[in-house]
C-alpha cells in the first residue's frame, strides 16, 4: 500500500519544535516536506543543551533529528526581496504551508494568508503560534513553557500545594501542539477535497494547553473556583496516588470506582478498613486522606515493586510503575507495539529514534530518513518547482540563499 500522503507537498517555514514536529509526522505519512531555514540554519540545530548534560559527537542536536527527519532543506534569507519571491514560488508548489511566523512577520516577508492564497488558491495555510492570528497578543512570541504551560493555567494546578510553580519539561507542549496541528491539517485537506478551496488552519500553544487541562477548566467554568493542587501526602483520593516500595521504586495505583476498595483492602491484608468508619465510604477516605495515605504508604513499604506488581495483577487492579526515561525506552510493551525505529545518518551512523506515535493497519507509515543538512537540497528543490538555472543564479547573486 502507498504511503497515506504520497504526492502531498509540504512547505515548512517554521523553527524550533511545534511546527517542525508536525511536518516530521507528515513526512512519516509520505509527504514531500521542504523545510525553509535561514542561512545559518534553524536555531534548534545548535541547541546543545549542555545544562541538561547531553553530549554530542558533532555539532547537532538529537532533538532536531527527531523533529526534522525525512525532510529536504532549503536556505532563504527572507530579509532579501529575491528570497521572498522564491518563498511564494515554493508556496505555489505546496499543498500545505506550515509556519510559526506571527502575523506581523508574515506581513514583513510578504507571506500572509492572502498572499499565499493569491499564489496558490488550493493551499492549506497552517499557522502554529503561541497565541493565534487575532487579538492583542497575536504578535507576542510564545514558547511551550510560556504559552502552553504557564499561560494556559497548567502550571497553577500541578506540583505540591505550597510549592512555587514547577519547572516543566521543554518540548511537551510543542509535541502535543504538533499533534493538534496535524489533526487540523488533515481535516483541512478533507475540506479541500469537498470544496476545492484552500483553507486556513490556526493552532496555538495556549489553546492546546487549555484543552489538555480541560477537566479542570470545565469545572472552573461551572464552579467559578480555582482547582486546588493535590498533595501526595493528602490527596483527594488516597487510592489514586503514588507509593514507595521497599526497593526504592515508586508505584502508581488508581481505583476510579468504589468496587475496587474491598479488593484493595484484602490484598493489603487490611480487611479491618472495610469496617472502619473513617475509610468505609469515598467521602470518608477523602476526609481522612492523610491518615489513609500514611497507612497505605506503610503497607507498600513492606514489599519490593515486583512483588506488588504480581499481587496487583492477580487482583486485576489498575497500577503502573513510575518509570524513568531509560526504563521507558526499554519497556517491553513499548517495544512490542513498535514505538522505536532505526535511522541511518551520515554522521551519527545507525541510531534509534521514536517512530510515528500511531499506527494505521496496512499503511506505509514511519520515519523515512535523517534530518537534512542546512540547505542540503536548495538547488534541487528550486529546480523541482520550475526555476531555471538562470533564475537560480540571479537569486543567488542577489543573496536570496545567504
Protein backbone atom coordinates (compact mmCIF):
# COMPACT_ATOMS: atom_id res chain seq x y z
CA UNK A 1 0.00 0.00 0.00
CA UNK A 2 1.25 3.51 -0.80
CA UNK A 3 2.01 5.95 1.97
CA UNK A 4 -1.18 7.80 3.01
CA UNK A 5 0.14 11.23 1.96
CA UNK A 6 2.12 10.12 -1.07
CA UNK A 7 2.05 13.01 -3.57
CA UNK A 8 1.24 15.68 -0.96
CA UNK A 9 3.77 18.53 -0.89
CA UNK A 10 4.52 20.46 2.31
CA UNK A 11 6.36 23.76 2.76
CA UNK A 12 7.60 24.32 6.31
CA UNK A 13 8.53 27.89 7.22
CA UNK A 14 8.93 27.22 10.93
CA UNK A 15 11.64 26.67 13.51
CA UNK A 16 12.12 25.05 16.90
CA UNK A 17 9.59 22.32 17.70
CA UNK A 18 5.82 22.66 17.29
CA UNK A 19 5.56 23.27 13.53
CA UNK A 20 8.56 21.10 12.61
CA UNK A 21 7.32 18.18 14.73
CA UNK A 22 4.03 18.23 12.81
CA UNK A 23 5.88 18.41 9.49
CA UNK A 24 8.05 15.45 10.53
CA UNK A 25 4.89 13.40 11.08
CA UNK A 26 3.61 14.48 7.67
CA UNK A 27 6.90 13.20 6.23
CA UNK A 28 6.36 9.92 8.13
CA UNK A 29 3.00 9.71 6.35
CA UNK A 30 4.71 10.04 2.98
CA UNK A 31 4.51 13.76 2.22
CA UNK A 32 7.37 15.56 0.48
CA UNK A 33 8.38 18.13 3.11
CA UNK A 34 10.62 21.09 2.23
CA UNK A 35 11.97 22.95 5.23
CA UNK A 36 12.92 26.61 4.73
CA UNK A 37 15.74 27.73 7.03
CA UNK A 38 17.75 30.94 7.41
CA UNK A 39 21.29 30.69 6.02
CA UNK A 40 22.65 29.82 9.48
CA UNK A 41 20.03 27.11 9.92
CA UNK A 42 17.13 26.59 12.31
CA UNK A 43 18.30 27.73 15.76
CA UNK A 44 17.20 24.38 17.16
CA UNK A 45 20.05 22.72 15.23
CA UNK A 46 22.55 24.39 17.50
CA UNK A 47 20.87 23.80 20.86
CA UNK A 48 23.47 21.62 22.56
CA UNK A 49 21.53 21.52 25.85
CA UNK A 50 24.73 21.36 27.90
CA UNK A 51 22.84 22.24 31.05
CA UNK A 52 20.87 19.02 30.71
CA UNK A 53 24.07 17.01 30.45
CA UNK A 54 23.68 15.86 26.85
CA UNK A 55 26.84 15.16 24.86
CA UNK A 56 27.17 15.25 21.09
CA UNK A 57 29.86 13.84 18.84
CA UNK A 58 29.28 16.58 16.26
CA UNK A 59 27.59 19.96 16.26
CA UNK A 60 23.95 18.95 16.18
CA UNK A 61 21.00 18.39 18.47
CA UNK A 62 19.44 14.94 18.76
CA UNK A 63 16.06 16.58 19.29
CA UNK A 64 16.44 18.34 15.95
CA UNK A 65 16.97 14.95 14.33
CA UNK A 66 13.67 13.71 15.77
CA UNK A 67 11.59 16.69 14.64
CA UNK A 68 13.13 17.16 11.21
CA UNK A 69 13.64 13.67 9.86
CA UNK A 70 12.68 12.85 6.31
CA UNK A 71 12.68 16.47 5.09
CA UNK A 72 14.54 18.44 2.44
CA UNK A 73 16.24 21.71 3.43
CA UNK A 74 16.32 25.00 1.52
CA UNK A 75 18.04 28.12 2.85
CA UNK A 76 16.49 31.54 2.25
CA UNK A 77 17.43 34.93 3.69
CA UNK A 78 13.91 36.28 4.00
CA UNK A 79 15.14 39.84 4.55
CA UNK A 80 16.03 39.80 0.84
CA UNK A 81 13.26 40.56 -1.70
CA UNK A 82 14.54 37.81 -4.00
CA UNK A 83 14.17 35.28 -1.20
CA UNK A 84 10.60 36.41 -0.59
CA UNK A 85 9.84 35.88 -4.26
CA UNK A 86 11.28 32.37 -4.08
CA UNK A 87 9.22 31.68 -0.93
CA UNK A 88 5.98 32.49 -2.76
CA UNK A 89 7.08 30.26 -5.64
CA UNK A 90 7.51 27.46 -3.11
CA UNK A 91 4.06 28.23 -1.67
CA UNK A 92 2.64 27.91 -5.17
CA UNK A 93 4.11 24.40 -5.34
CA UNK A 94 2.86 23.21 -1.94
CA UNK A 95 -0.39 21.59 -0.86
CA UNK A 96 0.30 22.50 2.77
CA UNK A 97 2.16 25.53 4.13
CA UNK A 98 3.18 25.35 7.80
CA UNK A 99 4.50 28.46 9.52
CA UNK A 100 5.15 29.68 13.05
CA UNK A 101 5.70 33.27 11.90
CA UNK A 102 3.45 35.64 13.83
CA UNK A 103 1.18 37.84 11.66
CA UNK A 104 3.49 40.85 11.86
CA UNK A 105 6.41 38.85 10.45
CA UNK A 106 4.25 37.18 7.81
CA UNK A 107 3.38 40.67 6.54
CA UNK A 108 7.04 41.74 6.67
CA UNK A 109 8.04 38.85 4.42
CA UNK A 110 5.06 39.12 2.05
CA UNK A 111 3.86 35.75 3.33
CA UNK A 112 0.40 36.49 4.70
CA UNK A 113 -2.51 34.10 4.27
CA UNK A 114 -3.90 36.30 1.49
CA UNK A 115 -0.53 36.45 -0.31
CA UNK A 116 -0.14 32.68 -0.21
CA UNK A 117 -3.70 32.04 -1.36
CA UNK A 118 -3.19 34.51 -4.21
CA UNK A 119 -0.21 32.42 -5.30
CA UNK A 120 -1.96 29.12 -4.60
CA UNK A 121 -5.74 29.17 -4.00
CA UNK A 122 -5.74 25.46 -3.03
CA UNK A 123 -3.06 25.72 -0.32
CA UNK A 124 -3.71 24.68 3.26
CA UNK A 125 -2.14 27.55 5.21
CA UNK A 126 -1.40 26.20 8.69
CA UNK A 127 -0.33 28.66 11.38
CA UNK A 128 1.05 27.49 14.72
CA UNK A 129 1.95 30.23 17.19
CA UNK A 130 1.78 30.98 20.89
CA UNK A 131 -1.45 32.98 20.81
CA UNK A 132 -3.09 32.90 17.39
CA UNK A 133 -3.76 35.24 14.47
CA UNK A 134 -6.24 37.63 16.09
CA UNK A 135 -6.38 39.57 19.35
CA UNK A 136 -3.96 41.92 21.08
CA UNK A 137 -1.32 39.23 21.61
CA UNK A 138 -1.22 37.80 18.10
CA UNK A 139 2.33 39.10 17.56
CA UNK A 140 3.63 38.15 21.02
CA UNK A 141 6.37 35.47 20.93
CA UNK A 142 5.25 32.24 22.53
CA UNK A 143 7.11 29.12 23.63
CA UNK A 144 5.67 25.94 25.07
CA UNK A 145 6.92 26.86 28.57
CA UNK A 146 5.26 30.29 28.45
CA UNK A 147 2.17 29.75 26.31
CA UNK A 148 1.32 26.07 26.82
CA UNK A 149 2.42 25.53 30.41
CA UNK A 150 2.22 28.93 32.13
CA UNK A 151 -0.50 30.99 30.46
CA UNK A 152 -2.92 28.14 29.82
CA UNK A 153 -3.18 27.52 33.58
CA UNK A 154 -1.44 24.12 33.66
CA UNK A 155 1.36 25.30 35.98
CA UNK A 156 -1.18 26.55 38.51
CA UNK A 157 -2.62 23.08 39.16
CA UNK A 158 0.46 20.82 39.22
CA UNK A 159 3.04 20.36 41.94
CA UNK A 160 2.66 20.36 45.72
CA UNK A 161 0.15 22.91 47.10
CA UNK A 162 2.60 25.30 48.78
CA UNK A 163 5.43 24.97 46.25
CA UNK A 164 6.32 27.54 43.59
CA UNK A 165 5.09 26.82 40.04
CA UNK A 166 7.08 23.80 38.86
CA UNK A 167 9.67 23.77 36.10
CA UNK A 168 8.20 21.83 33.19
CA UNK A 169 10.00 19.76 30.61
CA UNK A 170 10.59 21.61 27.35
CA UNK A 171 9.05 20.18 24.21
CA UNK A 172 6.00 18.51 25.76
CA UNK A 173 3.72 21.39 24.83
CA UNK A 174 5.31 21.63 21.39
CA UNK A 175 4.81 17.96 20.57
CA UNK A 176 1.25 17.99 21.88
CA UNK A 177 0.51 21.09 19.80
CA UNK A 178 2.19 19.46 16.80
CA UNK A 179 -0.26 16.57 17.03
CA UNK A 180 -3.13 19.05 17.27
CA UNK A 181 -1.79 20.82 14.18
CA UNK A 182 -1.53 17.51 12.33
CA UNK A 183 -5.18 16.73 13.07
CA UNK A 184 -6.28 20.19 11.91
CA UNK A 185 -4.29 19.91 8.67
CA UNK A 186 -5.78 16.52 7.84
CA UNK A 187 -9.26 17.96 8.43
CA UNK A 188 -8.41 20.90 6.16
CA UNK A 189 -7.26 18.52 3.42
CA UNK A 190 -10.60 16.74 3.67
CA UNK A 191 -12.48 20.05 3.44
CA UNK A 192 -10.40 20.96 0.38
CA UNK A 193 -11.38 17.64 -1.18
CA UNK A 194 -15.02 18.60 -0.65
CA UNK A 195 -14.85 22.25 -1.73
CA UNK A 196 -11.78 22.51 -3.96
CA UNK A 197 -10.68 25.56 -1.98
CA UNK A 198 -7.63 26.26 0.14
CA UNK A 199 -8.07 26.56 3.89
CA UNK A 200 -6.61 28.47 6.85
CA UNK A 201 -5.68 26.46 9.94
CA UNK A 202 -4.87 28.33 13.17
CA UNK A 203 -3.47 26.31 16.11
CA UNK A 204 -1.92 27.79 19.25
CA UNK A 205 0.19 26.54 22.12
CA UNK A 206 -2.02 28.31 24.65
CA UNK A 207 -5.31 26.90 23.42
CA UNK A 208 -3.85 23.40 23.10
CA UNK A 209 -2.63 23.65 26.69
CA UNK A 210 -6.12 24.71 27.77
CA UNK A 211 -7.60 21.66 26.05
CA UNK A 212 -5.17 19.28 27.76
CA UNK A 213 -6.22 20.61 31.16
CA UNK A 214 -9.86 20.62 30.06
CA UNK A 215 -11.24 18.65 33.02
CA UNK A 216 -10.08 21.38 35.40
CA UNK A 217 -11.09 24.16 33.02
CA UNK A 218 -14.64 22.83 32.62
CA UNK A 219 -15.02 22.52 36.39
CA UNK A 220 -13.87 26.12 36.86
CA UNK A 221 -16.22 27.41 34.17
CA UNK A 222 -19.15 25.95 36.07
CA UNK A 223 -17.99 26.41 39.68
CA UNK A 224 -16.11 29.71 39.25
CA UNK A 225 -13.43 28.28 41.54
CA UNK A 226 -9.73 27.65 41.02
CA UNK A 227 -8.92 23.91 41.14
CA UNK A 228 -6.68 23.07 44.06
CA UNK A 229 -3.31 21.43 43.71
CA UNK A 230 -3.17 17.88 45.02
CA UNK A 231 -0.67 16.87 47.67
CA UNK A 232 0.72 13.37 47.55
CA UNK A 233 0.53 13.21 51.36
CA UNK A 234 -3.10 14.35 51.48
CA UNK A 235 -4.68 13.65 48.08
CA UNK A 236 -8.34 13.88 47.20
CA UNK A 237 -8.28 10.08 46.83
CA UNK A 238 -5.57 8.14 48.68
CA UNK A 239 -6.27 5.15 46.43
CA UNK A 240 -5.23 7.12 43.36
CA UNK A 241 -1.71 8.02 44.37
CA UNK A 242 1.99 7.12 44.26
CA UNK A 243 3.62 4.85 46.85
CA UNK A 244 7.22 3.88 47.54
CA UNK A 245 8.04 0.16 47.58
CA UNK A 246 10.73 -1.43 49.76
CA UNK A 247 13.29 -1.49 46.90
CA UNK A 248 13.02 2.25 46.29
CA UNK A 249 10.74 2.01 43.25
CA UNK A 250 7.56 4.07 43.06
CA UNK A 251 4.23 2.63 42.01
CA UNK A 252 1.10 4.49 40.94
CA UNK A 253 -2.22 2.92 41.84
CA UNK A 254 -5.62 4.04 40.61
CA UNK A 255 -9.08 2.98 41.73
CA UNK A 256 -11.61 5.06 39.79
CA UNK A 257 -14.75 3.42 41.22
CA UNK A 258 -15.74 2.16 44.72
CA UNK A 259 -15.82 -1.56 43.84
CA UNK A 260 -12.01 -1.68 43.84
CA UNK A 261 -11.82 -0.77 47.52
CA UNK A 262 -12.72 -4.16 49.07
CA UNK A 263 -10.21 -5.97 46.83
CA UNK A 264 -7.55 -3.44 47.70
CA UNK A 265 -8.09 -3.87 51.43
CA UNK A 266 -7.86 -7.65 51.07
CA UNK A 267 -4.64 -7.68 49.07
CA UNK A 268 -3.05 -5.30 51.62
CA UNK A 269 -4.19 -7.59 54.45
CA UNK A 270 -6.31 -4.80 55.90
CA UNK A 271 -9.89 -6.09 55.79
CA UNK A 272 -10.39 -4.16 59.02
CA UNK A 273 -10.51 -0.97 56.94
CA UNK A 274 -13.81 -2.13 55.45
CA UNK A 275 -15.49 -1.67 58.83
CA UNK A 276 -13.53 1.45 59.77
CA UNK A 277 -15.93 4.40 59.68
CA UNK A 278 -13.14 6.71 58.54
CA UNK A 279 -12.49 4.71 55.36
CA UNK A 280 -15.75 2.90 54.60
CA UNK A 281 -17.00 5.42 52.02
CA UNK A 282 -15.32 7.51 49.28
CA UNK A 283 -16.17 10.65 51.25
CA UNK A 284 -14.67 9.23 54.41
CA UNK A 285 -11.49 8.26 52.57
CA UNK A 286 -11.30 11.80 51.20
CA UNK A 287 -11.87 13.44 54.60
CA UNK A 288 -9.25 11.19 56.23
CA UNK A 289 -6.88 11.06 53.28
CA UNK A 290 -3.74 11.96 55.25
CA UNK A 291 -4.29 9.08 57.70
CA UNK A 292 -5.12 6.57 54.97
CA UNK A 293 -2.20 7.66 52.78
CA UNK A 294 0.19 7.16 55.67
CA UNK A 295 -1.22 3.69 56.32
CA UNK A 296 -1.09 2.66 52.66
CA UNK A 297 2.45 4.02 52.45
CA UNK A 298 3.47 1.79 55.34
CA UNK A 299 1.92 -1.23 53.61
CA UNK A 300 3.66 -0.66 50.28
CA UNK A 301 6.99 -0.12 52.03
CA UNK A 302 6.87 -3.77 53.16
CA UNK A 303 7.49 -5.38 49.74
CA UNK A 304 9.52 -4.68 46.58
CA UNK A 305 7.85 -3.46 43.41
CA UNK A 306 7.96 -6.82 41.61
CA UNK A 307 6.05 -8.48 44.44
CA UNK A 308 3.43 -5.75 44.50
CA UNK A 309 3.10 -5.94 40.71
CA UNK A 310 2.36 -9.68 40.95
CA UNK A 311 -0.22 -9.16 43.73
CA UNK A 312 -1.95 -6.28 41.98
CA UNK A 313 -2.02 -8.09 38.63
CA UNK A 314 -3.61 -11.18 40.18
CA UNK A 315 -6.31 -8.95 41.69
CA UNK A 316 -6.87 -7.14 38.33
CA UNK A 317 -6.02 -3.77 39.88
CA UNK A 318 -5.02 -0.69 37.88
CA UNK A 319 -1.42 0.34 38.50
CA UNK A 320 1.86 1.20 36.79
CA UNK A 321 5.49 1.63 37.76
CA UNK A 322 6.73 5.21 37.83
CA UNK A 323 9.45 4.66 35.27
CA UNK A 324 12.39 6.87 34.45
CA UNK A 325 13.10 7.64 30.80
CA UNK A 326 15.73 4.92 30.40
CA UNK A 327 13.25 2.40 31.83
CA UNK A 328 10.58 3.56 29.38
CA UNK A 329 12.97 3.18 26.45
CA UNK A 330 13.47 -0.47 27.35
CA UNK A 331 9.81 -1.12 28.29
CA UNK A 332 8.87 -4.45 26.60
CA UNK A 333 5.35 -3.24 25.87
CA UNK A 334 6.59 -0.16 24.02
CA UNK A 335 8.95 -2.43 22.10
CA UNK A 336 6.09 -4.80 21.26
CA UNK A 337 3.94 -2.05 19.74
CA UNK A 338 6.80 -0.62 17.66
CA UNK A 339 7.42 2.66 19.45
CA UNK A 340 11.00 2.83 18.16
CA UNK A 341 12.74 2.53 14.82
CA UNK A 342 16.23 2.99 13.39
CA UNK A 343 17.61 5.65 11.08
CA UNK A 344 20.83 5.77 9.07
CA UNK A 345 22.64 9.10 9.49
CA UNK A 346 25.75 10.24 7.58
CA UNK A 347 27.46 11.45 10.79
CA UNK A 348 25.77 9.50 13.57
CA UNK A 349 25.60 6.20 11.74
CA UNK A 350 22.68 3.97 12.72
CA UNK A 351 20.74 5.28 15.69
CA UNK A 352 17.41 4.52 17.30
CA UNK A 353 14.60 7.04 17.38
CA UNK A 354 10.92 7.31 18.21
CA UNK A 355 8.67 6.08 15.44
CA UNK A 356 5.38 7.70 14.42
CA UNK A 357 3.21 7.74 17.60
CA UNK A 358 0.29 5.89 15.97
CA UNK A 359 -0.28 3.06 13.53
CA UNK A 360 -2.75 2.51 10.69
CA UNK A 361 -3.04 -1.13 9.69
CA UNK A 362 -1.70 -1.74 6.18
CA UNK A 363 -0.46 1.84 5.67
CA UNK A 364 3.14 2.72 4.89
CA UNK A 365 3.90 4.96 7.87
CA UNK A 366 7.23 5.60 9.55
CA UNK A 367 10.46 7.57 9.70
CA UNK A 368 11.94 7.81 6.20
CA UNK A 369 15.42 9.18 6.77
CA UNK A 370 17.56 11.59 8.78
CA UNK A 371 17.18 15.32 9.15
CA UNK A 372 18.82 17.22 6.28
CA UNK A 373 21.97 19.30 6.44
CA UNK A 374 21.48 23.07 6.28
CA UNK A 375 20.43 23.96 2.75
CA UNK A 376 21.27 20.46 1.50
CA UNK A 377 18.54 20.47 -1.13
CA UNK A 378 18.26 24.15 -2.03
CA UNK A 379 19.07 23.92 -5.72
CA UNK A 380 17.40 20.54 -6.25
CA UNK A 381 14.13 21.81 -4.78
CA UNK A 382 14.23 25.04 -6.78
CA UNK A 383 14.68 23.02 -9.95
CA UNK A 384 11.77 20.79 -8.89
CA UNK A 385 9.43 23.78 -8.64
CA UNK A 386 10.42 25.04 -12.08
CA UNK A 387 13.10 27.69 -11.55
CA UNK A 388 15.58 27.82 -14.41
CA UNK A 389 19.36 27.76 -13.85
CA UNK A 390 19.48 31.44 -14.83
CA UNK A 391 16.77 32.36 -12.32
CA UNK A 392 18.55 30.43 -9.58
CA UNK A 393 21.85 32.13 -10.44
CA UNK A 394 20.21 35.57 -10.33
CA UNK A 395 18.61 34.90 -6.96
CA UNK A 396 21.91 33.59 -5.62
CA UNK A 397 23.74 36.72 -6.84
CA UNK A 398 21.14 38.82 -5.04
CA UNK A 399 21.76 37.00 -1.75
CA UNK A 400 18.49 35.05 -1.61
CA UNK A 401 20.15 31.92 -0.23
CA UNK A 402 22.58 33.59 2.15
